[in-house]
C-alpha atoms as a PDB file:
ATOM      1  CA  MET A   1      13.385  -9.017   7.543  1.00  0.00           C
ATOM      2  CA  THR A   2      15.844  -6.544   9.187  1.00  0.00           C
ATOM      3  CA  GLU A   3      17.360  -6.719  12.580  1.00  0.00           C
ATOM      4  CA  ARG A   4      17.548  -3.381  14.512  1.00  0.00           C
ATOM      5  CA  GLY A   5      17.558  -2.428  18.224  1.00  0.00           C
ATOM      6  CA  THR A   6      16.910  -4.727  21.068  1.00  0.00           C
ATOM      7  CA  SER A   7      13.673  -6.012  22.407  1.00  0.00           C
ATOM      8  CA  ALA A   8      14.741  -6.130  26.093  1.00  0.00           C
ATOM      9  CA  GLY A   9      17.278  -3.499  26.600  1.00  0.00           C
ATOM     10  CA  LYS A  10      21.028  -3.500  26.162  1.00  0.00           C
ATOM     11  CA  ARG A  11      21.752  -6.217  28.700  1.00  0.00           C
ATOM     12  CA  SER A  12      19.908  -9.064  26.974  1.00  0.00           C
ATOM     13  CA  GLY A  13      21.506  -8.697  23.535  1.00  0.00           C
ATOM     14  CA  ARG A  14      18.334 -10.222  21.882  1.00  0.00           C
ATOM     15  CA  LYS A  15      17.542  -8.539  18.590  1.00  0.00           C
ATOM     16  CA  THR A  16      14.076  -7.584  17.541  1.00  0.00           C
ATOM     17  CA  ARG A  17      12.999  -8.771  14.044  1.00  0.00           C
ATOM     18  CA  TYR A  18      11.303  -6.044  12.058  1.00  0.00           C
ATOM     19  CA  HIS A  19       9.426  -7.285   9.048  1.00  0.00           C
ATOM     20  CA  LEU A  20       8.999  -4.964   6.038  1.00  0.00           C
ATOM     21  CA  LEU A  21       5.613  -4.271   4.432  1.00  0.00           C
ATOM     22  CA  THR A  22       5.084  -2.197   1.248  1.00  0.00           C
ATOM     23  CA  THR A  23       1.776  -1.576  -0.212  1.00  0.00           C
ATOM     24  CA  ASP A  24       0.216   0.422  -3.046  1.00  0.00           C
ATOM     25  CA  GLY A  25      -3.103   1.062  -4.593  1.00  0.00           C
ATOM     26  CA  GLY A  26      -3.717   1.556  -8.269  1.00  0.00           C
ATOM     27  CA  ILE A  27      -6.580   2.880 -10.370  1.00  0.00           C
ATOM     28  CA  ALA A  28      -7.599   3.090 -13.908  1.00  0.00           C
ATOM     29  CA  PRO A  29     -10.021   6.010 -14.032  1.00  0.00           C
ATOM     30  CA  ASP A  30     -13.486   5.765 -15.864  1.00  0.00           C
ATOM     31  CA  ARG A  31     -12.675   8.950 -17.684  1.00  0.00           C
ATOM     32  CA  PRO A  32      -9.481  11.085 -17.932  1.00  0.00           C
ATOM     33  CA  GLY A  33      -9.015  13.380 -15.071  1.00  0.00           C
ATOM     34  CA  LYS A  34     -11.604  11.688 -12.930  1.00  0.00           C
ATOM     35  CA  MET A  35     -10.995   9.902  -9.607  1.00  0.00           C
ATOM     36  CA  ALA A  36     -13.240   6.982  -9.723  1.00  0.00           C
ATOM     37  CA  GLY A  37     -12.500   3.758 -11.608  1.00  0.00           C
ATOM     38  CA  GLU A  38     -11.383   0.166 -11.489  1.00  0.00           C
ATOM     39  CA  ALA A  39      -8.707  -0.514  -8.814  1.00  0.00           C
ATOM     40  CA  ALA A  40      -6.146  -3.105  -7.783  1.00  0.00           C
ATOM     41  CA  ILE A  41      -3.763  -3.442  -4.881  1.00  0.00           C
ATOM     42  CA  GLY A  42      -0.189  -4.515  -4.556  1.00  0.00           C
ATOM     43  CA  VAL A  43       1.250  -5.891  -1.242  1.00  0.00           C
ATOM     44  CA  VAL A  44       4.841  -6.981  -0.582  1.00  0.00           C
ATOM     45  CA  LEU A  45       5.539  -8.617   2.887  1.00  0.00           C
ATOM     46  CA  LYS A  46       9.194  -9.673   3.331  1.00  0.00           C
ATOM     47  CA  ALA A  47      10.546 -12.427   5.516  1.00  0.00           C
ATOM     48  CA  PRO A  48       8.931 -14.698   4.560  1.00  0.00           C
ATOM     49  CA  LEU A  49       8.063 -13.180   1.190  1.00  0.00           C
ATOM     50  CA  GLU A  50       4.411 -12.877   0.431  1.00  0.00           C
ATOM     51  CA  GLU A  51       3.058 -10.946  -2.460  1.00  0.00           C
ATOM     52  CA  PHE A  52      -0.586 -10.013  -3.481  1.00  0.00           C
ATOM     53  CA  SER A  53      -1.643  -8.550  -6.777  1.00  0.00           C
ATOM     54  CA  GLU A  54      -5.403  -8.392  -7.146  1.00  0.00           C
ATOM     55  CA  PRO A  55      -8.163  -6.305  -8.622  1.00  0.00           C
ATOM     56  CA  ILE A  56     -10.580  -4.890  -6.021  1.00  0.00           C
ATOM     57  CA  GLY A  57     -13.286  -3.572  -8.280  1.00  0.00           C
ATOM     58  CA  ARG A  58     -14.589  -0.052  -8.785  1.00  0.00           C
ATOM     59  CA  VAL A  59     -13.651   2.533  -6.274  1.00  0.00           C
ATOM     60  CA  ARG A  60     -14.527   6.187  -5.567  1.00  0.00           C
ATOM     61  CA  ASP A  61     -10.804   7.334  -5.636  1.00  0.00           C
ATOM     62  CA  HIS A  62      -7.343   6.142  -5.406  1.00  0.00           C
ATOM     63  CA  HIS A  63      -7.118   6.711  -1.586  1.00  0.00           C
ATOM     64  CA  VAL A  64      -9.584   3.800  -1.201  1.00  0.00           C
ATOM     65  CA  ALA A  65      -7.229   1.540  -3.002  1.00  0.00           C
ATOM     66  CA  GLU A  66      -4.321   2.803  -0.938  1.00  0.00           C
ATOM     67  CA  TYR A  67      -6.146   2.061   2.236  1.00  0.00           C
ATOM     68  CA  GLN A  68      -7.341  -1.431   1.033  1.00  0.00           C
ATOM     69  CA  ALA A  69      -3.881  -2.451   0.101  1.00  0.00           C
ATOM     70  CA  LEU A  70      -2.593  -1.363   3.538  1.00  0.00           C
ATOM     71  CA  ILE A  71      -5.415  -3.270   5.371  1.00  0.00           C
ATOM     72  CA  ARG A  72      -4.684  -6.400   3.178  1.00  0.00           C
ATOM     73  CA  GLY A  73      -0.937  -6.230   4.090  1.00  0.00           C
ATOM     74  CA  LEU A  74      -1.680  -5.782   7.793  1.00  0.00           C
ATOM     75  CA  GLU A  75      -4.009  -8.697   7.812  1.00  0.00           C
ATOM     76  CA  ALA A  76      -1.336 -10.891   6.181  1.00  0.00           C
ATOM     77  CA  ALA A  77       1.276  -9.815   8.708  1.00  0.00           C
ATOM     78  CA  ARG A  78      -0.959 -10.569  11.646  1.00  0.00           C
ATOM     79  CA  SER A  79      -1.889 -13.925  10.187  1.00  0.00           C
ATOM     80  CA  GLN A  80       1.779 -14.854  10.259  1.00  0.00           C
ATOM     81  CA  GLY A  81       2.125 -13.714  13.759  1.00  0.00           C
ATOM     82  CA  ILE A  82       4.336 -10.833  13.092  1.00  0.00           C
ATOM     83  CA  GLY A  83       4.550  -8.315  15.936  1.00  0.00           C
ATOM     84  CA  HIS A  84       7.181  -5.757  14.772  1.00  0.00           C
ATOM     85  CA  LEU A  85       6.520  -4.043  11.466  1.00  0.00           C
ATOM     86  CA  ARG A  86       7.855  -1.410   9.337  1.00  0.00           C
ATOM     87  CA  VAL A  87       5.351  -0.251   6.771  1.00  0.00           C
ATOM     88  CA  CYS A  88       6.199   1.884   3.632  1.00  0.00           C
ATOM     89  CA  LEU A  89       3.683   3.350   1.244  1.00  0.00           C
ATOM     90  CA  ASP A  90       3.587   6.239  -1.214  1.00  0.00           C
ATOM     91  CA  SER A  91       0.341   7.697  -0.086  1.00  0.00           C
ATOM     92  CA  ALA A  92       1.178  10.822   2.035  1.00  0.00           C
ATOM     93  CA  LEU A  93      -2.450  11.148   2.807  1.00  0.00           C
ATOM     94  CA  VAL A  94      -2.909   7.786   4.339  1.00  0.00           C
ATOM     95  CA  VAL A  95       0.379   7.950   6.208  1.00  0.00           C
ATOM     96  CA  ASN A  96      -0.423  11.322   7.662  1.00  0.00           C
ATOM     97  CA  GLN A  97      -3.916  10.163   8.621  1.00  0.00           C
ATOM     98  CA  LEU A  98      -2.767   7.109  10.354  1.00  0.00           C
ATOM     99  CA  ASN A  99       0.145   8.842  12.133  1.00  0.00           C
ATOM    100  CA  GLY A 100      -2.291  11.559  13.384  1.00  0.00           C
ATOM    101  CA  SER A 101      -0.939  14.683  11.531  1.00  0.00           C
ATOM    102  CA  SER A 102      -4.059  14.884   9.255  1.00  0.00           C
ATOM    103  CA  GLN A 103      -7.654  14.287   9.998  1.00  0.00           C
ATOM    104  CA  VAL A 104      -9.869  12.018   7.891  1.00  0.00           C
ATOM    105  CA  LYS A 105     -12.410  14.427   6.355  1.00  0.00           C
ATOM    106  CA  ALA A 106     -13.767  12.272   3.526  1.00  0.00           C
ATOM    107  CA  GLU A 107     -16.651  10.175   4.922  1.00  0.00           C
ATOM    108  CA  HIS A 108     -16.058   7.300   2.522  1.00  0.00           C
ATOM    109  CA  LEU A 109     -12.578   6.901   3.995  1.00  0.00           C
ATOM    110  CA  LYS A 110     -13.636   6.814   7.659  1.00  0.00           C
ATOM    111  CA  PRO A 111     -14.586   3.173   7.758  1.00  0.00           C
ATOM    112  CA  LEU A 112     -11.217   2.282   6.065  1.00  0.00           C
ATOM    113  CA  TYR A 113      -9.273   4.432   8.430  1.00  0.00           C
ATOM    114  CA  ASN A 114     -10.929   2.846  11.446  1.00  0.00           C
ATOM    115  CA  GLN A 115     -10.085  -0.684  10.127  1.00  0.00           C
ATOM    116  CA  ALA A 116      -6.425   0.238   9.585  1.00  0.00           C
ATOM    117  CA  VAL A 117      -6.245   1.755  13.045  1.00  0.00           C
ATOM    118  CA  SER A 118      -7.737  -1.362  14.547  1.00  0.00           C
ATOM    119  CA  LEU A 119      -5.193  -3.635  12.771  1.00  0.00           C
ATOM    120  CA  LYS A 120      -2.346  -1.169  13.608  1.00  0.00           C
ATOM    121  CA  GLN A 121      -3.134  -1.562  17.247  1.00  0.00           C
ATOM    122  CA  GLN A 122      -2.595  -5.314  17.157  1.00  0.00           C
ATOM    123  CA  PHE A 123       1.253  -4.861  16.533  1.00  0.00           C
ATOM    124  CA  ALA A 124       3.710  -4.668  19.381  1.00  0.00           C
ATOM    125  CA  ASP A 125       5.674  -2.183  17.337  1.00  0.00           C
ATOM    126  CA  ILE A 126       4.625  -0.646  14.115  1.00  0.00           C
ATOM    127  CA  LYS A 127       5.925   2.370  12.247  1.00  0.00           C
ATOM    128  CA  ILE A 128       4.153   3.648   8.983  1.00  0.00           C
ATOM    129  CA  THR A 129       6.243   5.930   6.720  1.00  0.00           C
ATOM    130  CA  TRP A 130       5.899   7.615   3.440  1.00  0.00           C
ATOM    131  CA  VAL A 131       8.306   6.738   0.690  1.00  0.00           C
ATOM    132  CA  PRO A 132       8.613   8.151  -2.797  1.00  0.00           C
ATOM    133  CA  ARG A 133       6.918   6.187  -5.532  1.00  0.00           C
ATOM    134  CA  LYS A 134      10.187   4.948  -7.071  1.00  0.00           C
ATOM    135  CA  ALA A 135      11.177   3.493  -3.642  1.00  0.00           C
ATOM    136  CA  ASN A 136       7.829   1.617  -3.606  1.00  0.00           C
ATOM    137  CA  ALA A 137       8.391   0.027  -7.027  1.00  0.00           C
ATOM    138  CA  GLU A 138       7.662  -3.592  -6.162  1.00  0.00           C
ATOM    139  CA  ALA A 139       4.211  -2.875  -4.693  1.00  0.00           C
ATOM    140  CA  ASP A 140       3.491  -0.325  -7.402  1.00  0.00           C
ATOM    141  CA  ALA A 141       4.223  -2.891 -10.110  1.00  0.00           C
ATOM    142  CA  LEU A 142       1.887  -5.391  -8.389  1.00  0.00           C
ATOM    143  CA  ALA A 143      -0.921  -2.935  -8.146  1.00  0.00           C
ATOM    144  CA  SER A 144      -0.582  -1.922 -11.754  1.00  0.00           C
ATOM    145  CA  THR A 145      -0.423  -5.499 -13.224  1.00  0.00           C
ATOM    146  CA  PRO A 146      -4.174  -6.174 -13.032  1.00  0.00           C
ATOM    147  CA  LEU A 147      -4.992  -2.706 -14.332  1.00  0.00           C
ATOM    148  CA  GLY A 148      -2.916  -2.997 -17.584  1.00  0.00           C
ATOM    149  CA  PRO A 149      -5.730  -3.976 -19.928  1.00  0.00           C
ATOM    150  CA  LEU A 150      -8.031  -1.297 -18.343  1.00  0.00           C
ATOM    151  CA  ARG A 151      -5.663   1.582 -18.823  1.00  0.00           C
ATOM    152  CA  PRO A 152      -6.084   3.564 -22.157  1.00  0.00           C
ATOM    153  CA  LYS A 153      -3.447   2.858 -24.841  1.00  0.00           C
ATOM    154  CA  PRO A 154      -1.337   5.845 -25.664  1.00  0.00           C
ATOM    155  CA  LYS A 155      -2.207   7.537 -29.048  1.00  0.00           C
ATOM    156  CA  PRO A 156       0.332   6.707 -31.653  1.00  0.00           C
ATOM    157  CA  SER A 157       2.685   9.524 -32.691  1.00  0.00           C
ATOM    158  CA  ILE A 158       2.719  10.928 -36.147  1.00  0.00           C
ATOM    159  CA  ASP A 159       5.665   8.603 -36.929  1.00  0.00           C
ATOM    160  CA  GLU A 160       3.722   5.514 -36.010  1.00  0.00           C
ATOM    161  CA  LEU A 161       0.848   6.138 -38.233  1.00  0.00           C
ATOM    162  CA  PRO A 162       0.363   4.046 -41.322  1.00  0.00           C
ATOM    163  CA  LEU A 163       1.273   5.646 -44.677  1.00  0.00           C
ATOM    164  CA  ASP A 164      -1.603   5.313 -47.309  1.00  0.00           C
END
């Protein structure tokens, strides 16, 4: 939780508490180069700390996982009565759509977008921003954990092959 700004102007001196939410969606594609596959989400809500790492099943593309992670995080924040929230995620598409700078063209994303917008409207003050993947490491690690066994193992290098 960070404290920034004031909630009632300069005269009151009261600080507004902004909670931080980071989310990420991960996917293990069915086939290399394909978008669909088994997915998982990672959610980190700070102050008080709450983390989620859970598989969500097969999805059409990684954008579905990104939206579902965000929705799960927004629901967790609302259930705790949080009204002032800063959200960081590494999906430029989701951030741009929710901030109104991009349209939702994919039909399969429209219900998720509508759900996220509905949740977003329940906060007194919310800001959703894009961050680079490395700045979203906690949520990324949580989203990747359930997918570990599903991701293909790298092929051994020539140095790792057994000698006969």
